[in-house]
């Protein structure tokens, strides 16, 4: 597991009470987070954690945890 996905899993677990065992690259954020406000908060936390800006359009295109990892790695380089 990459450092990026470990960090994303930690965020989902700590902030949104998602069991870490459910956080896999192919897991859909819509199934892990309860509503669109959670998705917005998640994008803010991820942005802060990795020191990158993630636009609303970029988050709208994200479907899975793997998509988040690719987006972050594309902005920061693979972890």
PDB file of N, CA and C in Angstrom:
ATOM      1  N   UNK A   1       0.847  -1.175   0.000  1.00  0.00           N
ATOM      2  CA  UNK A   1       0.000   0.000   0.000  1.00  0.00           C
ATOM      3  C   UNK A   1       0.896   1.242   0.000  1.00  0.00           C
ATOM      4  N   UNK A   2       0.601   2.189  -0.883  1.00  0.00           N
ATOM      5  CA  UNK A   2       1.405   3.402  -0.977  1.00  0.00           C
ATOM      6  C   UNK A   2       1.159   4.310   0.230  1.00  0.00           C
ATOM      7  N   UNK A   3       2.095   5.201   0.461  1.00  0.00           N
ATOM      8  CA  UNK A   3       1.957   6.156   1.559  1.00  0.00           C
ATOM      9  C   UNK A   3       0.718   7.034   1.358  1.00  0.00           C
ATOM     10  N   UNK A   4       0.440   7.393   0.113  1.00  0.00           N
ATOM     11  CA  UNK A   4      -0.722   8.236  -0.164  1.00  0.00           C
ATOM     12  C   UNK A   4      -2.011   7.527   0.224  1.00  0.00           C
ATOM     13  N   UNK A   5      -2.172   6.275  -0.181  1.00  0.00           N
ATOM     14  CA  UNK A   5      -3.416   5.579   0.151  1.00  0.00           C
ATOM     15  C   UNK A   5      -3.509   5.318   1.654  1.00  0.00           C
ATOM     16  N   UNK A   6      -2.367   5.103   2.306  1.00  0.00           N
ATOM     17  CA  UNK A   6      -2.385   4.944   3.763  1.00  0.00           C
ATOM     18  C   UNK A   6      -2.884   6.222   4.441  1.00  0.00           C
ATOM     19  N   UNK A   7      -2.430   7.362   3.947  1.00  0.00           N
ATOM     20  CA  UNK A   7      -2.856   8.643   4.506  1.00  0.00           C
ATOM     21  C   UNK A   7      -4.333   8.891   4.235  1.00  0.00           C
ATOM     22  N   UNK A   8      -4.783   8.607   3.018  1.00  0.00           N
ATOM     23  CA  UNK A   8      -6.195   8.773   2.672  1.00  0.00           C
ATOM     24  C   UNK A   8      -7.060   7.846   3.534  1.00  0.00           C
ATOM     25  N   UNK A   9      -6.621   6.612   3.721  1.00  0.00           N
ATOM     26  CA  UNK A   9      -7.353   5.664   4.576  1.00  0.00           C
ATOM     27  C   UNK A   9      -7.422   6.187   6.005  1.00  0.00           C
ATOM     28  N   UNK A  10      -6.325   6.749   6.480  1.00  0.00           N
ATOM     29  CA  UNK A  10      -6.304   7.322   7.825  1.00  0.00           C
ATOM     30  C   UNK A  10      -7.275   8.475   7.979  1.00  0.00           C
ATOM     31  N   UNK A  11      -7.353   9.322   6.967  1.00  0.00           N
ATOM     32  CA  UNK A  11      -8.298  10.444   6.982  1.00  0.00           C
ATOM     33  C   UNK A  11      -9.727   9.926   7.024  1.00  0.00           C
ATOM     34  N   UNK A  12     -10.037   8.981   6.148  1.00  0.00           N
ATOM     35  CA  UNK A  12     -11.399   8.441   6.110  1.00  0.00           C
ATOM     36  C   UNK A  12     -11.763   7.765   7.423  1.00  0.00           C
ATOM     37  N   UNK A  13     -10.811   7.086   8.021  1.00  0.00           N
ATOM     38  CA  UNK A  13     -11.059   6.394   9.276  1.00  0.00           C
ATOM     39  C   UNK A  13     -11.221   7.372  10.440  1.00  0.00           C
ATOM     40  N   UNK A  14     -10.281   8.306  10.567  1.00  0.00           N
ATOM     41  CA  UNK A  14     -10.279   9.224  11.706  1.00  0.00           C
ATOM     42  C   UNK A  14     -11.392  10.265  11.650  1.00  0.00           C
ATOM     43  N   UNK A  15     -11.594  10.836  10.485  1.00  0.00           N
ATOM     44  CA  UNK A  15     -12.546  11.950  10.367  1.00  0.00           C
ATOM     45  C   UNK A  15     -13.972  11.520  10.019  1.00  0.00           C
ATOM     46  N   UNK A  16     -14.091  10.360   9.359  1.00  0.00           N
ATOM     47  CA  UNK A  16     -15.409   9.972   8.857  1.00  0.00           C
ATOM     48  C   UNK A  16     -15.854   8.594   9.346  1.00  0.00           C
ATOM     49  N   UNK A  17     -15.114   8.036  10.294  1.00  0.00           N
ATOM     50  CA  UNK A  17     -15.460   6.753  10.929  1.00  0.00           C
ATOM     51  C   UNK A  17     -15.619   5.599   9.945  1.00  0.00           C
ATOM     52  N   UNK A  18     -14.842   5.623   8.872  1.00  0.00           N
ATOM     53  CA  UNK A  18     -14.861   4.532   7.896  1.00  0.00           C
ATOM     54  C   UNK A  18     -13.841   3.486   8.366  1.00  0.00           C
ATOM     55  N   UNK A  19     -14.271   2.238   8.564  1.00  0.00           N
ATOM     56  CA  UNK A  19     -13.303   1.206   8.963  1.00  0.00           C
ATOM     57  C   UNK A  19     -12.189   1.088   7.916  1.00  0.00           C
ATOM     58  N   UNK A  20     -10.928   1.080   8.388  1.00  0.00           N
ATOM     59  CA  UNK A  20      -9.797   1.051   7.455  1.00  0.00           C
ATOM     60  C   UNK A  20      -9.842  -0.152   6.525  1.00  0.00           C
ATOM     61  N   UNK A  21     -10.415  -1.249   6.965  1.00  0.00           N
ATOM     62  CA  UNK A  21     -10.525  -2.438   6.128  1.00  0.00           C
ATOM     63  C   UNK A  21     -11.404  -2.233   4.912  1.00  0.00           C
ATOM     64  N   UNK A  22     -12.284  -1.235   4.956  1.00  0.00           N
ATOM     65  CA  UNK A  22     -13.167  -0.937   3.827  1.00  0.00           C
ATOM     66  C   UNK A  22     -12.518  -0.011   2.804  1.00  0.00           C
ATOM     67  N   UNK A  23     -11.387   0.597   3.172  1.00  0.00           N
ATOM     68  CA  UNK A  23     -10.743   1.563   2.291  1.00  0.00           C
ATOM     69  C   UNK A  23      -9.771   0.827   1.373  1.00  0.00           C
ATOM     70  N   UNK A  24     -10.230   0.586   0.172  1.00  0.00           N
ATOM     71  CA  UNK A  24      -9.427  -0.056  -0.862  1.00  0.00           C
ATOM     72  C   UNK A  24      -9.422   0.873  -2.069  1.00  0.00           C
ATOM     73  N   UNK A  25      -8.466   0.675  -2.972  1.00  0.00           N
ATOM     74  CA  UNK A  25      -8.370   1.580  -4.126  1.00  0.00           C
ATOM     75  C   UNK A  25      -9.638   1.617  -4.958  1.00  0.00           C
ATOM     76  N   UNK A  26     -10.355   0.505  -5.047  1.00  0.00           N
ATOM     77  CA  UNK A  26     -11.561   0.471  -5.874  1.00  0.00           C
ATOM     78  C   UNK A  26     -12.830   0.824  -5.100  1.00  0.00           C
ATOM     79  N   UNK A  27     -12.696   1.178  -3.819  1.00  0.00           N
ATOM     80  CA  UNK A  27     -13.874   1.562  -3.022  1.00  0.00           C
ATOM     81  C   UNK A  27     -14.383   2.919  -3.491  1.00  0.00           C
ATOM     82  N   UNK A  28     -15.690   3.004  -3.682  1.00  0.00           N
ATOM     83  CA  UNK A  28     -16.293   4.256  -4.148  1.00  0.00           C
ATOM     84  C   UNK A  28     -16.534   5.195  -2.973  1.00  0.00           C
ATOM     85  N   UNK A  29     -16.144   6.446  -3.151  1.00  0.00           N
ATOM     86  CA  UNK A  29     -16.325   7.430  -2.089  1.00  0.00           C
ATOM     87  C   UNK A  29     -17.791   7.609  -1.730  1.00  0.00           C
ATOM     88  N   UNK A  30     -18.668   7.487  -2.712  1.00  0.00           N
ATOM     89  CA  UNK A  30     -20.099   7.616  -2.457  1.00  0.00           C
ATOM     90  C   UNK A  30     -20.640   6.564  -1.511  1.00  0.00           C
ATOM     91  N   UNK A  31     -19.961   5.421  -1.443  1.00  0.00           N
ATOM     92  CA  UNK A  31     -20.362   4.371  -0.519  1.00  0.00           C
ATOM     93  C   UNK A  31     -19.693   4.530   0.844  1.00  0.00           C
ATOM     94  N   UNK A  32     -18.541   5.186   0.888  1.00  0.00           N
ATOM     95  CA  UNK A  32     -17.815   5.361   2.142  1.00  0.00           C
ATOM     96  C   UNK A  32     -18.269   6.598   2.919  1.00  0.00           C
ATOM     97  N   UNK A  33     -18.622   7.652   2.198  1.00  0.00           N
ATOM     98  CA  UNK A  33     -19.044   8.908   2.824  1.00  0.00           C
ATOM     99  C   UNK A  33     -20.555   9.022   2.762  1.00  0.00           C
ATOM    100  N   UNK A  34     -21.151   9.651   3.777  1.00  0.00           N
ATOM    101  CA  UNK A  34     -22.606   9.639   3.879  1.00  0.00           C
ATOM    102  C   UNK A  34     -23.325  10.630   2.971  1.00  0.00           C
ATOM    103  N   UNK A  35     -22.686  11.756   2.653  1.00  0.00           N
ATOM    104  CA  UNK A  35     -23.370  12.735   1.804  1.00  0.00           C
ATOM    105  C   UNK A  35     -22.375  13.661   1.119  1.00  0.00           C
ATOM    106  N   UNK A  36     -22.906  14.585   0.322  1.00  0.00           N
ATOM    107  CA  UNK A  36     -22.033  15.474  -0.450  1.00  0.00           C
ATOM    108  C   UNK A  36     -21.252  16.436   0.445  1.00  0.00           C
ATOM    109  N   UNK A  37     -21.784  16.785   1.595  1.00  0.00           N
ATOM    110  CA  UNK A  37     -21.037  17.651   2.509  1.00  0.00           C
ATOM    111  C   UNK A  37     -19.802  16.932   3.044  1.00  0.00           C
ATOM    112  N   UNK A  38     -19.931  15.628   3.297  1.00  0.00           N
ATOM    113  CA  UNK A  38     -18.764  14.846   3.698  1.00  0.00           C
ATOM    114  C   UNK A  38     -17.703  14.857   2.602  1.00  0.00           C
ATOM    115  N   UNK A  39     -18.130  14.766   1.350  1.00  0.00           N
ATOM    116  CA  UNK A  39     -17.193  14.781   0.233  1.00  0.00           C
ATOM    117  C   UNK A  39     -16.444  16.114   0.170  1.00  0.00           C
ATOM    118  N   UNK A  40     -17.161  17.210   0.399  1.00  0.00           N
ATOM    119  CA  UNK A  40     -16.535  18.530   0.404  1.00  0.00           C
ATOM    120  C   UNK A  40     -15.532  18.619   1.549  1.00  0.00           C
ATOM    121  N   UNK A  41     -15.948  18.178   2.745  1.00  0.00           N
ATOM    122  CA  UNK A  41     -15.043  18.212   3.894  1.00  0.00           C
ATOM    123  C   UNK A  41     -13.826  17.314   3.656  1.00  0.00           C
ATOM    124  N   UNK A  42     -14.061  16.153   3.068  1.00  0.00           N
ATOM    125  CA  UNK A  42     -12.972  15.235   2.751  1.00  0.00           C
ATOM    126  C   UNK A  42     -11.969  15.905   1.811  1.00  0.00           C
ATOM    127  N   UNK A  43     -12.449  16.597   0.786  1.00  0.00           N
ATOM    128  CA  UNK A  43     -11.540  17.246  -0.161  1.00  0.00           C
ATOM    129  C   UNK A  43     -10.723  18.335   0.527  1.00  0.00           C
ATOM    130  N   UNK A  44     -11.316  19.049   1.474  1.00  0.00           N
ATOM    131  CA  UNK A  44     -10.596  20.088   2.208  1.00  0.00           C
ATOM    132  C   UNK A  44      -9.511  19.459   3.085  1.00  0.00           C
ATOM    133  N   UNK A  45      -9.855  18.376   3.771  1.00  0.00           N
ATOM    134  CA  UNK A  45      -8.891  17.706   4.644  1.00  0.00           C
ATOM    135  C   UNK A  45      -7.732  17.132   3.817  1.00  0.00           C
ATOM    136  N   UNK A  46      -8.050  16.507   2.687  1.00  0.00           N
ATOM    137  CA  UNK A  46      -7.009  15.955   1.816  1.00  0.00           C
ATOM    138  C   UNK A  46      -6.119  17.083   1.288  1.00  0.00           C
ATOM    139  N   UNK A  47      -6.724  18.170   0.869  1.00  0.00           N
ATOM    140  CA  UNK A  47      -5.952  19.326   0.386  1.00  0.00           C
ATOM    141  C   UNK A  47      -4.993  19.823   1.452  1.00  0.00           C
ATOM    142  N   UNK A  48      -5.493  19.969   2.673  1.00  0.00           N
ATOM    143  CA  UNK A  48      -4.658  20.447   3.775  1.00  0.00           C
ATOM    144  C   UNK A  48      -3.550  19.450   4.109  1.00  0.00           C
ATOM    145  N   UNK A  49      -3.903  18.176   4.162  1.00  0.00           N
ATOM    146  CA  UNK A  49      -2.944  17.145   4.550  1.00  0.00           C
ATOM    147  C   UNK A  49      -1.764  17.060   3.571  1.00  0.00           C
ATOM    148  N   UNK A  50      -2.071  17.179   2.283  1.00  0.00           N
ATOM    149  CA  UNK A  50      -1.034  17.027   1.268  1.00  0.00           C
ATOM    150  C   UNK A  50      -0.487  18.357   0.755  1.00  0.00           C
ATOM    151  N   UNK A  51      -1.075  19.469   1.201  1.00  0.00           N
ATOM    152  CA  UNK A  51      -0.582  20.775   0.785  1.00  0.00           C
ATOM    153  C   UNK A  51      -0.829  21.081  -0.683  1.00  0.00           C
ATOM    154  N   UNK A  52      -1.969  20.625  -1.200  1.00  0.00           N
ATOM    155  CA  UNK A  52      -2.319  20.863  -2.603  1.00  0.00           C
ATOM    156  C   UNK A  52      -3.718  21.475  -2.681  1.00  0.00           C
ATOM    157  N   UNK A  53      -4.000  22.121  -3.801  1.00  0.00           N
ATOM    158  CA  UNK A  53      -5.346  22.629  -4.048  1.00  0.00           C
ATOM    159  C   UNK A  53      -6.091  21.623  -4.907  1.00  0.00           C
ATOM    160  N   UNK A  54      -7.278  21.241  -4.449  1.00  0.00           N
ATOM    161  CA  UNK A  54      -8.137  20.351  -5.235  1.00  0.00           C
ATOM    162  C   UNK A  54      -9.415  21.121  -5.530  1.00  0.00           C
ATOM    163  N   UNK A  55      -9.655  21.376  -6.792  1.00  0.00           N
ATOM    164  CA  UNK A  55     -10.829  22.162  -7.186  1.00  0.00           C
ATOM    165  C   UNK A  55     -12.103  21.321  -7.077  1.00  0.00           C
ATOM    166  N   UNK A  56     -13.214  21.996  -7.070  1.00  0.00           N
ATOM    167  CA  UNK A  56     -14.502  21.311  -7.052  1.00  0.00           C
ATOM    168  C   UNK A  56     -14.687  20.435  -8.273  1.00  0.00           C
ATOM    169  N   UNK A  57     -14.197  20.916  -9.410  1.00  0.00           N
ATOM    170  CA  UNK A  57     -14.305  20.139 -10.649  1.00  0.00           C
ATOM    171  C   UNK A  57     -13.482  18.858 -10.562  1.00  0.00           C
ATOM    172  N   UNK A  58     -12.288  18.963  -9.967  1.00  0.00           N
ATOM    173  CA  UNK A  58     -11.450  17.774  -9.811  1.00  0.00           C
ATOM    174  C   UNK A  58     -12.111  16.760  -8.885  1.00  0.00           C
ATOM    175  N   UNK A  59     -12.675  17.234  -7.780  1.00  0.00           N
ATOM    176  CA  UNK A  59     -13.337  16.305  -6.853  1.00  0.00           C
ATOM    177  C   UNK A  59     -14.588  15.700  -7.472  1.00  0.00           C
ATOM    178  N   UNK A  60     -15.274  16.462  -8.317  1.00  0.00           N
ATOM    179  CA  UNK A  60     -16.473  15.939  -8.966  1.00  0.00           C
ATOM    180  C   UNK A  60     -16.133  14.773  -9.883  1.00  0.00           C
ATOM    181  N   UNK A  61     -14.916  14.763 -10.422  1.00  0.00           N
ATOM    182  CA  UNK A  61     -14.492  13.692 -11.323  1.00  0.00           C
ATOM    183  C   UNK A  61     -13.984  12.462 -10.573  1.00  0.00           C
ATOM    184  N   UNK A  62     -13.773  12.596  -9.273  1.00  0.00           N
ATOM    185  CA  UNK A  62     -13.255  11.503  -8.453  1.00  0.00           C
ATOM    186  C   UNK A  62     -14.398  10.569  -8.078  1.00  0.00           C
ATOM    187  N   UNK A  63     -14.185   9.275  -8.303  1.00  0.00           N
ATOM    188  CA  UNK A  63     -15.198   8.279  -7.957  1.00  0.00           C
ATOM    189  C   UNK A  63     -14.698   7.341  -6.867  1.00  0.00           C
ATOM    190  N   UNK A  64     -13.462   6.896  -6.994  1.00  0.00           N
ATOM    191  CA  UNK A  64     -12.926   5.891  -6.070  1.00  0.00           C
ATOM    192  C   UNK A  64     -11.767   6.452  -5.242  1.00  0.00           C
ATOM    193  N   UNK A  65     -11.398   5.701  -4.230  1.00  0.00           N
ATOM    194  CA  UNK A  65     -10.225   6.048  -3.428  1.00  0.00           C
ATOM    195  C   UNK A  65      -8.989   6.097  -4.330  1.00  0.00           C
ATOM    196  N   UNK A  66      -8.891   5.178  -5.265  1.00  0.00           N
ATOM    197  CA  UNK A  66      -7.774   5.168  -6.209  1.00  0.00           C
ATOM    198  C   UNK A  66      -7.705   6.442  -7.028  1.00  0.00           C
ATOM    199  N   UNK A  67      -8.870   6.995  -7.381  1.00  0.00           N
ATOM    200  CA  UNK A  67      -8.901   8.269  -8.108  1.00  0.00           C
ATOM    201  C   UNK A  67      -8.313   9.389  -7.259  1.00  0.00           C
ATOM    202  N   UNK A  68      -8.620   9.384  -5.951  1.00  0.00           N
ATOM    203  CA  UNK A  68      -8.068  10.383  -5.042  1.00  0.00           C
ATOM    204  C   UNK A  68      -6.549  10.254  -4.994  1.00  0.00           C
ATOM    205  N   UNK A  69      -6.075   9.025  -4.875  1.00  0.00           N
ATOM    206  CA  UNK A  69      -4.636   8.768  -4.820  1.00  0.00           C
ATOM    207  C   UNK A  69      -3.964   9.274  -6.096  1.00  0.00           C
ATOM    208  N   UNK A  70      -4.542   8.969  -7.254  1.00  0.00           N
ATOM    209  CA  UNK A  70      -3.971   9.436  -8.529  1.00  0.00           C
ATOM    210  C   UNK A  70      -3.954  10.960  -8.604  1.00  0.00           C
ATOM    211  N   UNK A  71      -5.025  11.584  -8.155  1.00  0.00           N
ATOM    212  CA  UNK A  71      -5.112  13.045  -8.179  1.00  0.00           C
ATOM    213  C   UNK A  71      -4.038  13.660  -7.285  1.00  0.00           C
ATOM    214  N   UNK A  72      -3.913  13.153  -6.075  1.00  0.00           N
ATOM    215  CA  UNK A  72      -2.905  13.686  -5.138  1.00  0.00           C
ATOM    216  C   UNK A  72      -1.499  13.407  -5.662  1.00  0.00           C
ATOM    217  N   UNK A  73      -1.244  12.175  -6.091  1.00  0.00           N
ATOM    218  CA  UNK A  73       0.081  11.836  -6.609  1.00  0.00           C
ATOM    219  C   UNK A  73       0.435  12.663  -7.837  1.00  0.00           C
ATOM    220  N   UNK A  74      -0.565  12.999  -8.651  1.00  0.00           N
ATOM    221  CA  UNK A  74      -0.325  13.832  -9.824  1.00  0.00           C
ATOM    222  C   UNK A  74       0.093  15.240  -9.455  1.00  0.00           C
ATOM    223  N   UNK A  75      -0.317  15.691  -8.280  1.00  0.00           N
ATOM    224  CA  UNK A  75       0.015  17.043  -7.825  1.00  0.00           C
ATOM    225  C   UNK A  75       1.295  17.063  -6.984  1.00  0.00           C
ATOM    226  N   UNK A  76       1.600  15.938  -6.330  1.00  0.00           N
ATOM    227  CA  UNK A  76       2.729  15.920  -5.401  1.00  0.00           C
ATOM    228  C   UNK A  76       3.856  15.001  -5.826  1.00  0.00           C
ATOM    229  N   UNK A  77       3.570  14.100  -6.764  1.00  0.00           N
ATOM    230  CA  UNK A  77       4.519  13.038  -7.086  1.00  0.00           C
ATOM    231  C   UNK A  77       4.179  11.836  -6.217  1.00  0.00           C
ATOM    232  N   UNK A  78       4.424  10.629  -6.696  1.00  0.00           N
ATOM    233  CA  UNK A  78       4.070   9.433  -5.927  1.00  0.00           C
ATOM    234  C   UNK A  78       4.753   9.397  -4.567  1.00  0.00           C
ATOM    235  N   UNK A  79       3.981   8.985  -3.562  1.00  0.00           N
ATOM    236  CA  UNK A  79       4.537   8.895  -2.198  1.00  0.00           C
ATOM    237  C   UNK A  79       5.050   7.516  -1.921  1.00  0.00           C
TER     238      UNK A  79
END
